[in-house]
Amino acid sequence: MSKILLFLGLTWLFGNPFVAIIVLLIVIYVLERRFIGLSPSLVKPLRRRGSISKWRRQLEMSPHDVSAKSELARLLIESGKHAQARDILQGIGEQMEHSAEYWSDLGTCELALGRVEEGEQAMKRALAISPKVKYGQPYLRLAEALAKTEPDRAIAYLQQFKDVNASSCEAYYRLGTIYDGLGKSAEAAEAFKECRQLYRTLPKYMKRHERKWALRASLRNRS
């Protein structure tokens, strides 16, 4: 009802129902991004594209800038261009041999490209250097890669991720989905419940980042 009234008000204000619909969709999108955060950001990809162009220009001027290559690879990973990122990372392996972040990024690329064995080796190397690298993200990426083929190992990695990052609702949600796929409905329901309970205990500044996993857990628990 409130949306209908808002639409009527916008139609009266702009004198055009099509403009009113566009404005209403923008308002809904902004509110959803602000308070829920399930919809993708429209601004972030544009900023990332600009940053990628900046680092490419930097490398044109300084082809051996390892820091620039690392940052460019990270941005390419965020853009889903894992093959390009992997090529860049392989070119700086000698200089970054002792960097946990480097091996984590390389492992992410390998896993995304379906090279699970290579990806697992890289992730284990990252964790050997720093068990808490990227707040335990290597454990999560490994669990995602193994969820369908080796669910028991995926569960083990998720348990390790929970130990490193005790504030992650995502870990409980993904644990629930794996249990659900194995037909373990009781364990799945318990994991989704723990996801929601954890969310309620988080401080406000963390809730926005974890909200989508709590909402998804609520929806899965009702299905």
Protein backbone atom coordinates (compact mmCIF):
# COMPACT_ATOMS: atom_id res chain seq x y z
CA MET A 1 0.00 0.00 0.00
CA SER A 2 2.80 2.41 0.90
CA LYS A 3 4.51 1.76 -2.44
CA ILE A 4 1.27 2.49 -4.29
CA LEU A 5 0.86 5.77 -2.42
CA LEU A 6 4.49 6.64 -3.12
CA PHE A 7 3.99 5.86 -6.81
CA LEU A 8 0.88 8.04 -6.96
CA GLY A 9 2.73 10.83 -5.20
CA LEU A 10 5.66 10.60 -7.61
CA THR A 11 3.30 10.54 -10.59
CA TRP A 12 1.65 13.72 -9.32
CA LEU A 13 5.06 15.30 -8.64
CA PHE A 14 6.64 14.51 -12.02
CA GLY A 15 3.46 14.42 -14.09
CA ASN A 16 4.63 11.26 -15.85
CA PRO A 17 4.01 7.68 -14.63
CA PHE A 18 7.08 6.30 -16.45
CA VAL A 19 9.39 8.78 -14.69
CA ALA A 20 7.63 7.93 -11.44
CA ILE A 21 8.35 4.20 -11.95
CA ILE A 22 12.04 4.90 -12.61
CA VAL A 23 12.33 7.10 -9.52
CA LEU A 24 10.48 4.51 -7.42
CA LEU A 25 12.83 1.74 -8.56
CA ILE A 26 15.84 3.90 -7.72
CA VAL A 27 14.44 4.62 -4.25
CA ILE A 28 13.76 0.91 -3.65
CA TYR A 29 17.26 0.00 -4.85
CA VAL A 30 18.96 2.59 -2.63
CA LEU A 31 16.97 1.46 0.42
CA GLU A 32 17.70 -2.20 -0.31
CA ARG A 33 21.41 -1.51 -0.66
CA ARG A 34 21.40 0.53 2.54
CA PHE A 35 19.46 -1.79 4.81
CA ILE A 36 19.64 -5.28 3.24
CA GLY A 37 22.44 -5.49 0.69
CA LEU A 38 21.33 -8.48 -1.41
CA SER A 39 21.30 -6.63 -4.73
CA PRO A 40 24.61 -6.04 -6.53
CA SER A 41 26.30 -2.66 -6.38
CA LEU A 42 26.08 -0.63 -9.59
CA VAL A 43 28.91 1.69 -8.58
CA LYS A 44 31.53 -0.79 -7.41
CA PRO A 45 32.15 -2.41 -10.86
CA LEU A 46 32.66 1.04 -12.38
CA ARG A 47 35.17 1.98 -9.70
CA ARG A 48 36.93 -1.35 -10.12
CA ARG A 49 37.14 -0.88 -13.88
CA GLY A 50 38.72 2.53 -13.34
CA SER A 51 41.23 1.07 -10.89
CA ILE A 52 42.14 -1.70 -13.33
CA SER A 53 42.83 0.90 -16.03
CA LYS A 54 44.96 2.88 -13.58
CA TRP A 55 47.14 -0.09 -12.65
CA ARG A 56 47.51 -1.12 -16.29
CA ARG A 57 48.81 2.37 -17.07
CA GLN A 58 51.16 2.10 -14.12
CA LEU A 59 52.57 -1.15 -15.49
CA GLU A 60 53.03 0.40 -18.93
CA MET A 61 55.35 2.93 -17.27
CA SER A 62 56.91 0.46 -14.80
CA PRO A 63 56.64 -3.10 -16.23
CA HIS A 64 58.46 -4.63 -13.25
CA ASP A 65 56.35 -3.06 -10.50
CA VAL A 66 55.45 -6.11 -8.39
CA SER A 67 53.05 -4.20 -6.13
CA ALA A 68 51.13 -2.92 -9.15
CA LYS A 69 50.91 -6.44 -10.58
CA SER A 70 49.62 -7.80 -7.26
CA GLU A 71 46.96 -5.10 -7.03
CA LEU A 72 45.92 -5.56 -10.65
CA ALA A 73 45.60 -9.32 -10.13
CA ARG A 74 43.44 -8.76 -7.06
CA LEU A 75 41.10 -6.47 -9.00
CA LEU A 76 40.89 -8.94 -11.88
CA ILE A 77 39.95 -11.68 -9.41
CA GLU A 78 37.16 -9.48 -8.08
CA SER A 79 36.02 -8.98 -11.68
CA GLY A 80 35.93 -12.73 -12.28
CA LYS A 81 38.84 -12.63 -14.77
CA HIS A 82 40.73 -15.42 -13.10
CA ALA A 83 42.76 -16.55 -16.11
CA GLN A 84 44.21 -13.06 -16.59
CA ALA A 85 44.92 -12.74 -12.87
CA ARG A 86 46.61 -16.14 -12.80
CA ASP A 87 48.93 -15.18 -15.66
CA ILE A 88 49.99 -12.04 -13.80
CA LEU A 89 50.51 -13.87 -10.51
CA GLN A 90 52.59 -16.60 -12.08
CA GLY A 91 54.91 -13.92 -13.40
CA ILE A 92 55.75 -12.63 -9.90
CA GLY A 93 56.01 -15.95 -8.07
CA GLU A 94 59.70 -15.64 -7.25
CA GLN A 95 59.31 -12.18 -5.71
CA MET A 96 56.17 -13.10 -3.76
CA GLU A 97 57.17 -16.59 -2.64
CA HIS A 98 56.86 -15.75 1.06
CA SER A 99 53.55 -13.84 0.79
CA ALA A 100 50.48 -15.60 2.16
CA GLU A 101 48.24 -13.16 0.28
CA TYR A 102 49.97 -14.05 -2.98
CA TRP A 103 49.41 -17.79 -2.56
CA SER A 104 45.81 -17.17 -1.49
CA ASP A 105 45.14 -15.14 -4.64
CA LEU A 106 46.82 -17.73 -6.84
CA GLY A 107 44.83 -20.50 -5.16
CA THR A 108 41.61 -18.58 -5.75
CA CYS A 109 42.42 -18.39 -9.46
CA GLU A 110 43.31 -22.07 -9.72
CA LEU A 111 40.11 -23.14 -7.97
CA ALA A 112 37.97 -20.85 -10.11
CA LEU A 113 39.55 -22.32 -13.25
CA GLY A 114 38.74 -25.86 -12.11
CA ARG A 115 42.33 -26.73 -11.16
CA VAL A 116 41.35 -28.01 -7.72
CA GLU A 117 44.57 -29.87 -6.89
CA GLU A 118 46.76 -26.88 -7.79
CA GLY A 119 44.39 -24.55 -5.99
CA GLU A 120 44.46 -26.63 -2.82
CA GLN A 121 48.25 -26.73 -2.85
CA ALA A 122 48.45 -22.95 -3.20
CA MET A 123 45.89 -22.39 -0.44
CA LYS A 124 47.71 -24.75 1.93
CA ARG A 125 50.91 -22.86 1.24
CA ALA A 126 49.16 -19.58 2.09
CA LEU A 127 47.83 -21.04 5.34
CA ALA A 128 51.23 -22.48 6.24
CA ILE A 129 52.69 -18.98 6.01
CA SER A 130 49.78 -17.34 7.87
CA PRO A 131 46.87 -19.45 9.23
CA LYS A 132 44.68 -16.33 9.45
CA VAL A 133 45.47 -14.92 6.01
CA LYS A 134 42.52 -12.91 4.68
CA TYR A 135 40.52 -13.87 7.78
CA GLY A 136 40.56 -17.53 6.78
CA GLN A 137 39.21 -17.06 3.25
CA PRO A 138 41.32 -19.92 1.82
CA TYR A 139 39.34 -22.40 3.94
CA LEU A 140 36.09 -20.99 2.58
CA ARG A 141 37.24 -21.07 -1.05
CA LEU A 142 38.40 -24.68 -0.63
CA ALA A 143 35.05 -25.65 0.90
CA GLU A 144 33.22 -24.09 -2.04
CA ALA A 145 35.40 -25.95 -4.55
CA LEU A 146 34.95 -29.33 -2.83
CA ALA A 147 31.30 -28.99 -1.77
CA LYS A 148 29.87 -31.09 -4.64
CA THR A 149 32.63 -33.62 -5.16
CA GLU A 150 34.02 -34.16 -1.65
CA PRO A 151 31.48 -32.81 0.85
CA ASP A 152 33.17 -34.37 3.89
CA ARG A 153 36.39 -32.51 3.15
CA ALA A 154 34.41 -29.35 2.44
CA ILE A 155 32.77 -29.61 5.87
CA ALA A 156 36.19 -30.04 7.47
CA TYR A 157 37.47 -26.88 5.78
CA LEU A 158 34.37 -24.97 6.86
CA GLN A 159 34.93 -26.05 10.45
CA GLN A 160 38.47 -24.71 10.24
CA PHE A 161 37.17 -21.48 8.73
CA LYS A 162 34.77 -21.08 11.66
CA ASP A 163 37.69 -21.49 14.08
CA VAL A 164 39.61 -18.69 12.36
CA ASN A 165 36.66 -16.39 11.67
CA ALA A 166 34.12 -16.91 14.42
CA SER A 167 32.01 -13.97 13.23
CA SER A 168 31.21 -15.37 9.78
CA CYS A 169 27.55 -16.12 9.08
CA GLU A 170 28.61 -17.28 5.63
CA ALA A 171 30.41 -20.30 7.11
CA TYR A 172 27.26 -21.53 8.86
CA TYR A 173 25.12 -20.88 5.78
CA ARG A 174 27.45 -22.82 3.48
CA LEU A 175 27.73 -25.59 6.06
CA GLY A 176 23.94 -25.83 6.04
CA THR A 177 23.78 -26.05 2.25
CA ILE A 178 26.33 -28.87 2.19
CA TYR A 179 24.45 -30.81 4.86
CA ASP A 180 21.24 -30.19 2.93
CA GLY A 181 22.84 -31.58 -0.23
CA LEU A 182 23.85 -34.70 1.70
CA GLY A 183 20.28 -35.20 2.88
CA LYS A 184 21.16 -34.39 6.50
CA SER A 185 18.17 -32.16 7.13
CA ALA A 186 18.60 -31.96 10.91
CA GLU A 187 22.24 -30.87 10.65
CA ALA A 188 21.33 -28.40 7.91
CA ALA A 189 18.55 -26.85 10.00
CA GLU A 190 20.90 -26.54 12.96
CA ALA A 191 23.56 -24.80 10.82
CA PHE A 192 21.00 -22.33 9.44
CA LYS A 193 19.76 -21.70 12.97
CA GLU A 194 23.31 -21.02 14.19
CA CYS A 195 23.75 -18.62 11.26
CA ARG A 196 20.75 -16.55 12.36
CA GLN A 197 21.74 -16.68 16.02
CA LEU A 198 25.26 -15.51 15.25
CA TYR A 199 23.90 -12.62 13.19
CA ARG A 200 21.82 -11.38 16.12
CA THR A 201 24.90 -11.23 18.34
CA LEU A 202 27.08 -9.29 15.89
CA PRO A 203 27.79 -5.59 16.44
CA LYS A 204 25.96 -3.19 14.15
CA TYR A 205 28.98 -2.39 11.99
CA MET A 206 29.32 -6.09 11.04
CA LYS A 207 25.66 -6.84 10.45
CA ARG A 208 25.41 -5.20 7.04
CA HIS A 209 28.14 -7.42 5.64
CA GLU A 210 26.67 -10.60 7.13
CA ARG A 211 22.98 -9.78 6.67
CA LYS A 212 22.57 -11.50 3.32
CA TRP A 213 23.76 -14.83 4.74
CA ALA A 214 21.36 -14.58 7.68
CA LEU A 215 18.48 -13.81 5.31
CA ARG A 216 19.39 -16.70 3.04
CA ALA A 217 19.60 -19.01 6.05
CA SER A 218 16.11 -17.91 7.09
CA LEU A 219 14.74 -18.65 3.62
CA ARG A 220 16.45 -22.05 3.44
CA ASN A 221 15.17 -23.00 6.86
CA ARG A 222 11.59 -22.40 5.73
CA SER A 223 11.87 -24.28 2.45
